[in-house]
Amino acid sequence: MSEAQIEINHVSKVFKGSEQEVVALKDIHFSIPSGQFVCLLGPSGCGKSTLLNAIAGFSLPSQGEIMVDGKLVLEPGPDRGMVFQEYALFPWMTVEENIVFGLKIKRENPAKVEKKLVDLLGMLKLSDFRKRFPKDLSGGMRQRVAIARVLALDPPIMLMDEPFGALDALTRRSLQDELLKIWSELKKTVVFVTHSIEESIYLADRIIVMSYRPGTVKKDLCVEIPRPRNPSDGDFNKLKRELSEMVMAEQTRFEQAQLLGSTGD
C-alpha cells in the first residue's frame, strides 16, 4: 500500500429541506491508500451512499474537503469510476456497445478499443453475450457489463454502491470472487458500500462501520483474515459477531427513528 490516495478531511453533509435540516454526515475523517479495498458498512440512513457520492464528486460536502491524489474533489472525474446497484446500462445498446461507449466518446484508437473490449469480455465472462441487449441478460450479467464499462476507462479508483445488493446469493458470491480477482490483478483502489456484514468481511482489507444519522465513523478496522476467506471459518465468524453487535445497535437506532417519524437515507 502506498500513501493516501483518497483523503476525507472532516467532512459533514447537511441536506436542507423545506421544514428541517438533515445532518447526513458529521465530521468524517479518514484516508485510503492506493490499492486498498475498503467497505463502508452500516444500516440504512447512515450516509454510506452520501459519502460515496461525495468522493465521486456528485455532491459536495457542506463542510470539510475530499482530496484525491492531492487534488480537491469538486466534480466527477475520470480517475473515479462508479458502479451502481441499478446497472445503469443503455437498453438500446448491445453488451459490447455499452462497454466501449466511453472509449468511443474519447475517440480512442479503434484497434485499441477492440483489444480492450475482447480482454474485458473474457475477464467478465461475457464473450458469448457481446451482441446481446441488456433486456436479454440476467441481473448478474448486467452487473458484469456495468463493471466492464467502468474498467474500460481504466480509472485508478472504483466506487461501488451496493453493486450486488439485488442479486441472489449464488450470483452474488460468484461476482464477489470475480471482483476480488480483478482487484488483485489490476491493483485498483476500491470503495465499496454494503449493508451486508458477511460481504464486507469476505471482500475488504478494511471495514469502516458508520453510525446512524448523523453518519460518523463508529469503527475503522483492518481485516487480518488471509484470503481466500471462508465464511464458516472461526476467525471469520468471530469478526462477524463483533461487527453484528455494532451494526445492530445502529439498526435499532434507525428503526426507533422511523417509529418517531424520521425520513429517508
C-alpha atoms as a PDB file:
ATOM      1  CA  MET A   1       0.000   0.000   0.000  1.00  0.00           C
ATOM      2  CA  SER A   2       1.232   3.498  -0.804  1.00  0.00           C
ATOM      3  CA  GLU A   3       0.493   6.856   0.810  1.00  0.00           C
ATOM      4  CA  ALA A   4      -3.030   8.248   0.920  1.00  0.00           C
ATOM      5  CA  GLN A   5      -4.793   8.375  -2.435  1.00  0.00           C
ATOM      6  CA  ILE A   6      -8.183   9.453  -1.033  1.00  0.00           C
ATOM      7  CA  GLU A   7      -8.369  11.868   1.908  1.00  0.00           C
ATOM      8  CA  ILE A   8     -11.640  12.582   3.692  1.00  0.00           C
ATOM      9  CA  ASN A   9     -10.907  15.661   5.796  1.00  0.00           C
ATOM     10  CA  HIS A  10     -13.541  16.411   8.474  1.00  0.00           C
ATOM     11  CA  VAL A  11     -16.428  16.101   6.037  1.00  0.00           C
ATOM     12  CA  SER A  12     -20.001  16.939   7.032  1.00  0.00           C
ATOM     13  CA  LYS A  13     -23.082  16.994   4.806  1.00  0.00           C
ATOM     14  CA  VAL A  14     -26.359  18.746   5.577  1.00  0.00           C
ATOM     15  CA  PHE A  15     -29.450  18.448   3.403  1.00  0.00           C
ATOM     16  CA  LYS A  16     -31.788  21.425   3.739  1.00  0.00           C
ATOM     17  CA  GLY A  17     -35.472  20.576   3.407  1.00  0.00           C
ATOM     18  CA  SER A  18     -38.494  22.845   3.431  1.00  0.00           C
ATOM     19  CA  GLU A  19     -39.229  22.077   7.087  1.00  0.00           C
ATOM     20  CA  GLN A  20     -35.934  20.938   8.611  1.00  0.00           C
ATOM     21  CA  GLU A  21     -32.272  20.235   8.013  1.00  0.00           C
ATOM     22  CA  VAL A  22     -30.968  16.671   7.928  1.00  0.00           C
ATOM     23  CA  VAL A  23     -27.369  16.115   9.031  1.00  0.00           C
ATOM     24  CA  ALA A  24     -26.373  13.125   6.897  1.00  0.00           C
ATOM     25  CA  LEU A  25     -22.631  13.133   7.681  1.00  0.00           C
ATOM     26  CA  LYS A  26     -20.773  14.661  10.609  1.00  0.00           C
ATOM     27  CA  ASP A  27     -17.004  15.154  10.831  1.00  0.00           C
ATOM     28  CA  ILE A  28     -15.942  12.136   8.751  1.00  0.00           C
ATOM     29  CA  HIS A  29     -12.164  11.900   8.756  1.00  0.00           C
ATOM     30  CA  PHE A  30     -10.007   9.102   7.296  1.00  0.00           C
ATOM     31  CA  SER A  31      -7.713   8.361   4.366  1.00  0.00           C
ATOM     32  CA  ILE A  32      -7.372   5.448   1.929  1.00  0.00           C
ATOM     33  CA  PRO A  33      -4.038   4.371   0.448  1.00  0.00           C
ATOM     34  CA  SER A  34      -3.668   3.355  -3.176  1.00  0.00           C
ATOM     35  CA  GLY A  35      -4.709  -0.226  -3.896  1.00  0.00           C
ATOM     36  CA  GLN A  36      -6.747  -0.780  -0.726  1.00  0.00           C
ATOM     37  CA  PHE A  37     -10.180  -2.442  -0.785  1.00  0.00           C
ATOM     38  CA  VAL A  38     -12.396  -0.560   1.680  1.00  0.00           C
ATOM     39  CA  CYS A  39     -16.001  -1.369   2.600  1.00  0.00           C
ATOM     40  CA  LEU A  40     -18.329   1.254   4.058  1.00  0.00           C
ATOM     41  CA  LEU A  41     -20.672  -0.751   6.273  1.00  0.00           C
ATOM     42  CA  GLY A  42     -23.816   0.258   8.103  1.00  0.00           C
ATOM     43  CA  PRO A  43     -27.627   0.229   8.108  1.00  0.00           C
ATOM     44  CA  SER A  44     -29.898   2.404   6.007  1.00  0.00           C
ATOM     45  CA  GLY A  45     -29.671   6.045   6.940  1.00  0.00           C
ATOM     46  CA  CYS A  46     -26.008   6.075   7.986  1.00  0.00           C
ATOM     47  CA  GLY A  47     -24.822   8.099   4.979  1.00  0.00           C
ATOM     48  CA  LYS A  48     -22.781   5.422   3.169  1.00  0.00           C
ATOM     49  CA  SER A  49     -24.052   6.384  -0.274  1.00  0.00           C
ATOM     50  CA  THR A  50     -23.909  10.083   0.577  1.00  0.00           C
ATOM     51  CA  LEU A  51     -20.217   9.737   1.386  1.00  0.00           C
ATOM     52  CA  LEU A  52     -19.560   7.683  -1.758  1.00  0.00           C
ATOM     53  CA  ASN A  53     -21.306  10.309  -3.903  1.00  0.00           C
ATOM     54  CA  ALA A  54     -19.136  12.983  -2.310  1.00  0.00           C
ATOM     55  CA  ILE A  55     -15.980  11.031  -3.171  1.00  0.00           C
ATOM     56  CA  ALA A  56     -17.310  10.640  -6.717  1.00  0.00           C
ATOM     57  CA  GLY A  57     -17.876  14.401  -6.943  1.00  0.00           C
ATOM     58  CA  PHE A  58     -21.632  14.121  -7.490  1.00  0.00           C
ATOM     59  CA  SER A  59     -22.350  16.021  -4.277  1.00  0.00           C
ATOM     60  CA  LEU A  60     -20.072  18.465  -2.450  1.00  0.00           C
ATOM     61  CA  PRO A  61     -19.617  18.406   1.347  1.00  0.00           C
ATOM     62  CA  SER A  62     -21.263  21.117   3.419  1.00  0.00           C
ATOM     63  CA  GLN A  63     -18.069  21.292   5.473  1.00  0.00           C
ATOM     64  CA  GLY A  64     -14.606  19.794   5.089  1.00  0.00           C
ATOM     65  CA  GLU A  65     -12.983  18.578   1.898  1.00  0.00           C
ATOM     66  CA  ILE A  66     -12.192  15.456  -0.103  1.00  0.00           C
ATOM     67  CA  MET A  67      -8.853  15.094  -1.858  1.00  0.00           C
ATOM     68  CA  VAL A  68      -7.876  12.536  -4.500  1.00  0.00           C
ATOM     69  CA  ASP A  69      -4.182  12.336  -5.346  1.00  0.00           C
ATOM     70  CA  GLY A  70      -3.696  15.684  -3.640  1.00  0.00           C
ATOM     71  CA  LYS A  71      -6.381  17.452  -5.678  1.00  0.00           C
ATOM     72  CA  LEU A  72      -9.611  18.844  -4.252  1.00  0.00           C
ATOM     73  CA  VAL A  73     -12.712  16.979  -5.475  1.00  0.00           C
ATOM     74  CA  LEU A  74     -15.178  19.477  -6.934  1.00  0.00           C
ATOM     75  CA  GLU A  75     -16.804  17.345  -9.649  1.00  0.00           C
ATOM     76  CA  PRO A  76     -16.771  13.840 -11.143  1.00  0.00           C
ATOM     77  CA  GLY A  77     -13.557  12.856 -12.918  1.00  0.00           C
ATOM     78  CA  PRO A  78     -12.015  10.060 -14.997  1.00  0.00           C
ATOM     79  CA  ASP A  79      -9.895   8.963 -12.034  1.00  0.00           C
ATOM     80  CA  ARG A  80     -13.056   7.670 -10.277  1.00  0.00           C
ATOM     81  CA  GLY A  81     -15.348   5.081 -11.865  1.00  0.00           C
ATOM     82  CA  MET A  82     -18.791   4.464 -10.363  1.00  0.00           C
ATOM     83  CA  VAL A  83     -20.739   1.186 -10.348  1.00  0.00           C
ATOM     84  CA  PHE A  84     -24.369   1.447  -9.211  1.00  0.00           C
ATOM     85  CA  GLN A  85     -26.777  -1.187  -7.919  1.00  0.00           C
ATOM     86  CA  GLU A  86     -29.214  -0.401 -10.768  1.00  0.00           C
ATOM     87  CA  TYR A  87     -26.678  -1.298 -13.540  1.00  0.00           C
ATOM     88  CA  ALA A  88     -27.372   1.983 -15.437  1.00  0.00           C
ATOM     89  CA  LEU A  89     -26.896   0.400 -18.879  1.00  0.00           C
ATOM     90  CA  PHE A  90     -28.162   1.861 -22.136  1.00  0.00           C
ATOM     91  CA  PRO A  91     -31.028  -0.508 -23.071  1.00  0.00           C
ATOM     92  CA  TRP A  92     -30.769   0.258 -26.810  1.00  0.00           C
ATOM     93  CA  MET A  93     -27.083  -0.747 -26.919  1.00  0.00           C
ATOM     94  CA  THR A  94     -25.609  -4.240 -27.038  1.00  0.00           C
ATOM     95  CA  VAL A  95     -23.209  -5.526 -24.403  1.00  0.00           C
ATOM     96  CA  GLU A  96     -20.167  -4.546 -26.447  1.00  0.00           C
ATOM     97  CA  GLU A  97     -21.605  -1.132 -27.309  1.00  0.00           C
ATOM     98  CA  ASN A  98     -22.264  -0.421 -23.626  1.00  0.00           C
ATOM     99  CA  ILE A  99     -18.732  -1.441 -22.648  1.00  0.00           C
ATOM    100  CA  VAL A 100     -16.907   0.694 -25.237  1.00  0.00           C
ATOM    101  CA  PHE A 101     -19.258   3.692 -25.093  1.00  0.00           C
ATOM    102  CA  GLY A 102     -16.885   5.817 -23.020  1.00  0.00           C
ATOM    103  CA  LEU A 103     -13.887   4.873 -25.148  1.00  0.00           C
ATOM    104  CA  LYS A 104     -15.667   5.938 -28.327  1.00  0.00           C
ATOM    105  CA  ILE A 105     -16.647   9.249 -26.741  1.00  0.00           C
ATOM    106  CA  LYS A 106     -12.917   9.760 -26.084  1.00  0.00           C
ATOM    107  CA  ARG A 107     -12.186   8.810 -29.728  1.00  0.00           C
ATOM    108  CA  GLU A 108      -9.761   6.058 -28.737  1.00  0.00           C
ATOM    109  CA  ASN A 109      -7.926   4.157 -31.471  1.00  0.00           C
ATOM    110  CA  PRO A 110     -10.346   1.517 -32.873  1.00  0.00           C
ATOM    111  CA  ALA A 111      -7.758  -1.269 -32.706  1.00  0.00           C
ATOM    112  CA  LYS A 112      -7.047  -0.481 -29.044  1.00  0.00           C
ATOM    113  CA  VAL A 113     -10.773  -0.311 -28.325  1.00  0.00           C
ATOM    114  CA  GLU A 114     -11.325  -3.753 -29.830  1.00  0.00           C
ATOM    115  CA  LYS A 115      -8.417  -5.269 -27.888  1.00  0.00           C
ATOM    116  CA  LYS A 116      -9.644  -3.786 -24.624  1.00  0.00           C
ATOM    117  CA  LEU A 117     -13.173  -4.984 -25.390  1.00  0.00           C
ATOM    118  CA  VAL A 118     -12.025  -8.554 -26.049  1.00  0.00           C
ATOM    119  CA  ASP A 119      -9.933  -8.541 -22.850  1.00  0.00           C
ATOM    120  CA  LEU A 120     -12.840  -7.286 -20.749  1.00  0.00           C
ATOM    121  CA  LEU A 121     -15.352  -9.658 -22.302  1.00  0.00           C
ATOM    122  CA  GLY A 122     -13.054 -12.514 -21.353  1.00  0.00           C
ATOM    123  CA  MET A 123     -12.319 -11.186 -17.878  1.00  0.00           C
ATOM    124  CA  LEU A 124     -16.017 -10.755 -17.035  1.00  0.00           C
ATOM    125  CA  LYS A 125     -17.160 -13.956 -18.790  1.00  0.00           C
ATOM    126  CA  LEU A 126     -19.181 -12.024 -21.353  1.00  0.00           C
ATOM    127  CA  SER A 127     -17.617 -13.231 -24.606  1.00  0.00           C
ATOM    128  CA  ASP A 128     -20.703 -15.240 -25.635  1.00  0.00           C
ATOM    129  CA  PHE A 129     -23.021 -12.295 -24.920  1.00  0.00           C
ATOM    130  CA  ARG A 130     -21.340  -9.391 -26.719  1.00  0.00           C
ATOM    131  CA  LYS A 131     -24.197  -8.948 -29.224  1.00  0.00           C
ATOM    132  CA  ARG A 132     -26.998  -9.278 -26.650  1.00  0.00           C
ATOM    133  CA  PHE A 133     -29.071  -6.406 -25.303  1.00  0.00           C
ATOM    134  CA  PRO A 134     -29.454  -5.755 -21.540  1.00  0.00           C
ATOM    135  CA  LYS A 135     -33.070  -6.974 -21.571  1.00  0.00           C
ATOM    136  CA  ASP A 136     -31.824 -10.419 -22.589  1.00  0.00           C
ATOM    137  CA  LEU A 137     -29.399 -10.707 -19.649  1.00  0.00           C
ATOM    138  CA  SER A 138     -29.782 -11.793 -16.037  1.00  0.00           C
ATOM    139  CA  GLY A 139     -29.116  -9.312 -13.237  1.00  0.00           C
ATOM    140  CA  GLY A 140     -25.685 -10.784 -12.653  1.00  0.00           C
ATOM    141  CA  MET A 141     -24.739 -10.493 -16.321  1.00  0.00           C
ATOM    142  CA  ARG A 142     -25.953  -6.894 -16.444  1.00  0.00           C
ATOM    143  CA  GLN A 143     -23.761  -6.056 -13.472  1.00  0.00           C
ATOM    144  CA  ARG A 144     -20.792  -7.680 -15.194  1.00  0.00           C
ATOM    145  CA  VAL A 145     -21.407  -5.359 -18.147  1.00  0.00           C
ATOM    146  CA  ALA A 146     -21.613  -2.341 -15.828  1.00  0.00           C
ATOM    147  CA  ILE A 147     -18.300  -3.284 -14.206  1.00  0.00           C
ATOM    148  CA  ALA A 148     -16.672  -3.873 -17.600  1.00  0.00           C
ATOM    149  CA  ARG A 149     -17.843  -0.447 -18.789  1.00  0.00           C
ATOM    150  CA  VAL A 150     -16.116   1.217 -15.833  1.00  0.00           C
ATOM    151  CA  LEU A 151     -12.959  -0.872 -16.262  1.00  0.00           C
ATOM    152  CA  ALA A 152     -12.791   0.070 -19.950  1.00  0.00           C
ATOM    153  CA  LEU A 153     -11.898   3.621 -18.915  1.00  0.00           C
ATOM    154  CA  ASP A 154      -9.223   2.261 -16.552  1.00  0.00           C
ATOM    155  CA  PRO A 155      -9.845   4.558 -13.545  1.00  0.00           C
ATOM    156  CA  PRO A 156      -7.410   4.030 -10.649  1.00  0.00           C
ATOM    157  CA  ILE A 157     -10.357   4.228  -8.215  1.00  0.00           C
ATOM    158  CA  MET A 158     -13.581   2.197  -8.365  1.00  0.00           C
ATOM    159  CA  LEU A 159     -16.556   3.394  -6.325  1.00  0.00           C
ATOM    160  CA  MET A 160     -19.256   0.737  -5.893  1.00  0.00           C
ATOM    161  CA  ASP A 161     -22.665   1.464  -4.377  1.00  0.00           C
ATOM    162  CA  GLU A 162     -24.137  -1.885  -3.219  1.00  0.00           C
ATOM    163  CA  PRO A 163     -23.490  -3.364  -6.682  1.00  0.00           C
ATOM    164  CA  PHE A 164     -24.521  -6.895  -5.703  1.00  0.00           C
ATOM    165  CA  GLY A 165     -27.399  -5.993  -3.387  1.00  0.00           C
ATOM    166  CA  ALA A 166     -30.172  -7.050  -5.783  1.00  0.00           C
ATOM    167  CA  LEU A 167     -28.626 -10.402  -6.762  1.00  0.00           C
ATOM    168  CA  ASP A 168     -29.353 -13.893  -5.481  1.00  0.00           C
ATOM    169  CA  ALA A 169     -26.844 -15.458  -3.069  1.00  0.00           C
ATOM    170  CA  LEU A 170     -25.051 -17.701  -5.589  1.00  0.00           C
ATOM    171  CA  THR A 171     -24.698 -14.986  -8.241  1.00  0.00           C
ATOM    172  CA  ARG A 172     -23.565 -12.565  -5.570  1.00  0.00           C
ATOM    173  CA  ARG A 173     -20.778 -14.874  -4.376  1.00  0.00           C
ATOM    174  CA  SER A 174     -19.654 -15.528  -7.950  1.00  0.00           C
ATOM    175  CA  LEU A 175     -19.390 -11.803  -8.668  1.00  0.00           C
ATOM    176  CA  GLN A 176     -17.633 -11.174  -5.360  1.00  0.00           C
ATOM    177  CA  ASP A 177     -14.973 -13.698  -6.367  1.00  0.00           C
ATOM    178  CA  GLU A 178     -14.640 -12.158  -9.815  1.00  0.00           C
ATOM    179  CA  LEU A 179     -14.310  -8.680  -8.323  1.00  0.00           C
ATOM    180  CA  LEU A 180     -11.564  -9.864  -5.962  1.00  0.00           C
ATOM    181  CA  LYS A 181      -9.721 -11.430  -8.904  1.00  0.00           C
ATOM    182  CA  ILE A 182      -9.983  -8.209 -10.922  1.00  0.00           C
ATOM    183  CA  TRP A 183      -8.869  -6.142  -7.929  1.00  0.00           C
ATOM    184  CA  SER A 184      -5.827  -8.340  -7.288  1.00  0.00           C
ATOM    185  CA  GLU A 185      -4.814  -8.248 -10.969  1.00  0.00           C
ATOM    186  CA  LEU A 186      -5.438  -4.563 -11.725  1.00  0.00           C
ATOM    187  CA  LYS A 187      -4.469  -3.061  -8.324  1.00  0.00           C
ATOM    188  CA  LYS A 188      -7.413  -0.664  -8.238  1.00  0.00           C
ATOM    189  CA  THR A 189      -8.433   1.235  -5.135  1.00  0.00           C
ATOM    190  CA  VAL A 190     -11.985   0.117  -4.283  1.00  0.00           C
ATOM    191  CA  VAL A 191     -14.523   1.862  -2.049  1.00  0.00           C
ATOM    192  CA  PHE A 192     -17.499  -0.478  -1.732  1.00  0.00           C
ATOM    193  CA  VAL A 193     -20.781   0.374   0.015  1.00  0.00           C
ATOM    194  CA  THR A 194     -22.683  -2.519   1.607  1.00  0.00           C
ATOM    195  CA  HIS A 195     -25.094  -3.274   4.423  1.00  0.00           C
ATOM    196  CA  SER A 196     -24.023  -6.947   4.417  1.00  0.00           C
ATOM    197  CA  ILE A 197     -21.626  -7.779   7.233  1.00  0.00           C
ATOM    198  CA  GLU A 198     -20.556 -11.065   5.617  1.00  0.00           C
ATOM    199  CA  GLU A 199     -19.905  -9.356   2.284  1.00  0.00           C
ATOM    200  CA  SER A 200     -17.708  -6.717   3.904  1.00  0.00           C
ATOM    201  CA  ILE A 201     -15.581  -9.345   5.691  1.00  0.00           C
ATOM    202  CA  TYR A 202     -15.332 -11.508   2.573  1.00  0.00           C
ATOM    203  CA  LEU A 203     -14.141  -8.629   0.368  1.00  0.00           C
ATOM    204  CA  ALA A 204     -12.368  -5.930   2.301  1.00  0.00           C
ATOM    205  CA  ASP A 205      -8.879  -5.126   3.515  1.00  0.00           C
ATOM    206  CA  ARG A 206     -10.556  -2.621   5.794  1.00  0.00           C
ATOM    207  CA  ILE A 207     -14.092  -2.028   7.058  1.00  0.00           C
ATOM    208  CA  ILE A 208     -15.372   1.385   8.104  1.00  0.00           C
ATOM    209  CA  VAL A 209     -18.517   0.991  10.201  1.00  0.00           C
ATOM    210  CA  MET A 210     -20.755   4.044  10.098  1.00  0.00           C
ATOM    211  CA  SER A 211     -23.270   5.132  12.705  1.00  0.00           C
ATOM    212  CA  TYR A 212     -26.887   6.035  12.038  1.00  0.00           C
ATOM    213  CA  ARG A 213     -27.607   9.677  11.266  1.00  0.00           C
ATOM    214  CA  PRO A 214     -25.676  11.778  11.592  1.00  0.00           C
ATOM    215  CA  GLY A 215     -23.247   9.402   9.884  1.00  0.00           C
ATOM    216  CA  THR A 216     -19.927   9.198  11.661  1.00  0.00           C
ATOM    217  CA  VAL A 217     -17.123   6.643  11.761  1.00  0.00           C
ATOM    218  CA  LYS A 218     -18.067   4.261  14.549  1.00  0.00           C
ATOM    219  CA  LYS A 219     -15.228   1.786  13.906  1.00  0.00           C
ATOM    220  CA  ASP A 220     -12.325   1.621  11.462  1.00  0.00           C
ATOM    221  CA  LEU A 221     -10.762  -1.829  11.401  1.00  0.00           C
ATOM    222  CA  CYS A 222      -8.407  -3.864   9.244  1.00  0.00           C
ATOM    223  CA  VAL A 223      -9.430  -7.402   8.273  1.00  0.00           C
ATOM    224  CA  GLU A 224      -6.435  -9.614   9.089  1.00  0.00           C
ATOM    225  CA  ILE A 225      -8.021 -12.882   7.847  1.00  0.00           C
ATOM    226  CA  PRO A 226      -5.929 -14.309   4.965  1.00  0.00           C
ATOM    227  CA  ARG A 227      -7.505 -14.671   1.524  1.00  0.00           C
ATOM    228  CA  PRO A 228      -9.295 -16.661   0.205  1.00  0.00           C
ATOM    229  CA  ARG A 229     -11.697 -16.283   3.118  1.00  0.00           C
ATOM    230  CA  ASN A 230     -14.136 -18.934   4.266  1.00  0.00           C
ATOM    231  CA  PRO A 231     -17.387 -17.667   5.865  1.00  0.00           C
ATOM    232  CA  SER A 232     -17.555 -20.814   8.009  1.00  0.00           C
ATOM    233  CA  ASP A 233     -14.070 -20.200   9.453  1.00  0.00           C
ATOM    234  CA  GLY A 234     -13.818 -19.426  13.169  1.00  0.00           C
ATOM    235  CA  ASP A 235     -11.983 -16.098  12.748  1.00  0.00           C
ATOM    236  CA  PHE A 236     -14.481 -15.043  10.083  1.00  0.00           C
ATOM    237  CA  ASN A 237     -17.418 -15.721  12.383  1.00  0.00           C
ATOM    238  CA  LYS A 238     -15.737 -14.081  15.366  1.00  0.00           C
ATOM    239  CA  LEU A 239     -15.372 -10.855  13.386  1.00  0.00           C
ATOM    240  CA  LYS A 240     -18.911 -11.258  12.045  1.00  0.00           C
ATOM    241  CA  ARG A 241     -20.284 -11.392  15.615  1.00  0.00           C
ATOM    242  CA  GLU A 242     -18.264  -8.326  16.615  1.00  0.00           C
ATOM    243  CA  LEU A 243     -19.493  -6.324  13.632  1.00  0.00           C
ATOM    244  CA  SER A 244     -23.065  -7.575  14.051  1.00  0.00           C
ATOM    245  CA  GLU A 245     -23.249  -6.060  17.542  1.00  0.00           C
ATOM    246  CA  MET A 246     -22.077  -2.689  16.231  1.00  0.00           C
ATOM    247  CA  VAL A 247     -24.320  -2.629  13.178  1.00  0.00           C
ATOM    248  CA  MET A 248     -27.398  -3.921  15.011  1.00  0.00           C
ATOM    249  CA  ALA A 249     -27.034  -1.145  17.583  1.00  0.00           C
ATOM    250  CA  GLU A 250     -27.197   1.369  14.734  1.00  0.00           C
ATOM    251  CA  GLN A 251     -30.037  -0.542  13.059  1.00  0.00           C
ATOM    252  CA  THR A 252     -32.020  -0.269  16.297  1.00  0.00           C
ATOM    253  CA  ARG A 253     -31.430   3.497  16.313  1.00  0.00           C
ATOM    254  CA  PHE A 254     -32.627   3.623  12.697  1.00  0.00           C
ATOM    255  CA  GLU A 255     -35.807   1.680  13.497  1.00  0.00           C
ATOM    256  CA  GLN A 256     -36.549   3.877  16.516  1.00  0.00           C
ATOM    257  CA  ALA A 257     -36.124   6.996  14.371  1.00  0.00           C
ATOM    258  CA  GLN A 258     -38.528   5.532  11.801  1.00  0.00           C
ATOM    259  CA  LEU A 259     -41.116   4.912  14.504  1.00  0.00           C
ATOM    260  CA  LEU A 260     -40.753   8.526  15.557  1.00  0.00           C
ATOM    261  CA  GLY A 261     -41.416   9.674  12.005  1.00  0.00           C
ATOM    262  CA  SER A 262     -37.881  10.262  10.736  1.00  0.00           C
ATOM    263  CA  THR A 263     -37.448  10.009   6.951  1.00  0.00           C
ATOM    264  CA  GLY A 264     -35.105   8.632   4.309  1.00  0.00           C
ATOM    265  CA  ASP A 265     -31.455   7.618   3.915  1.00  0.00           C
END
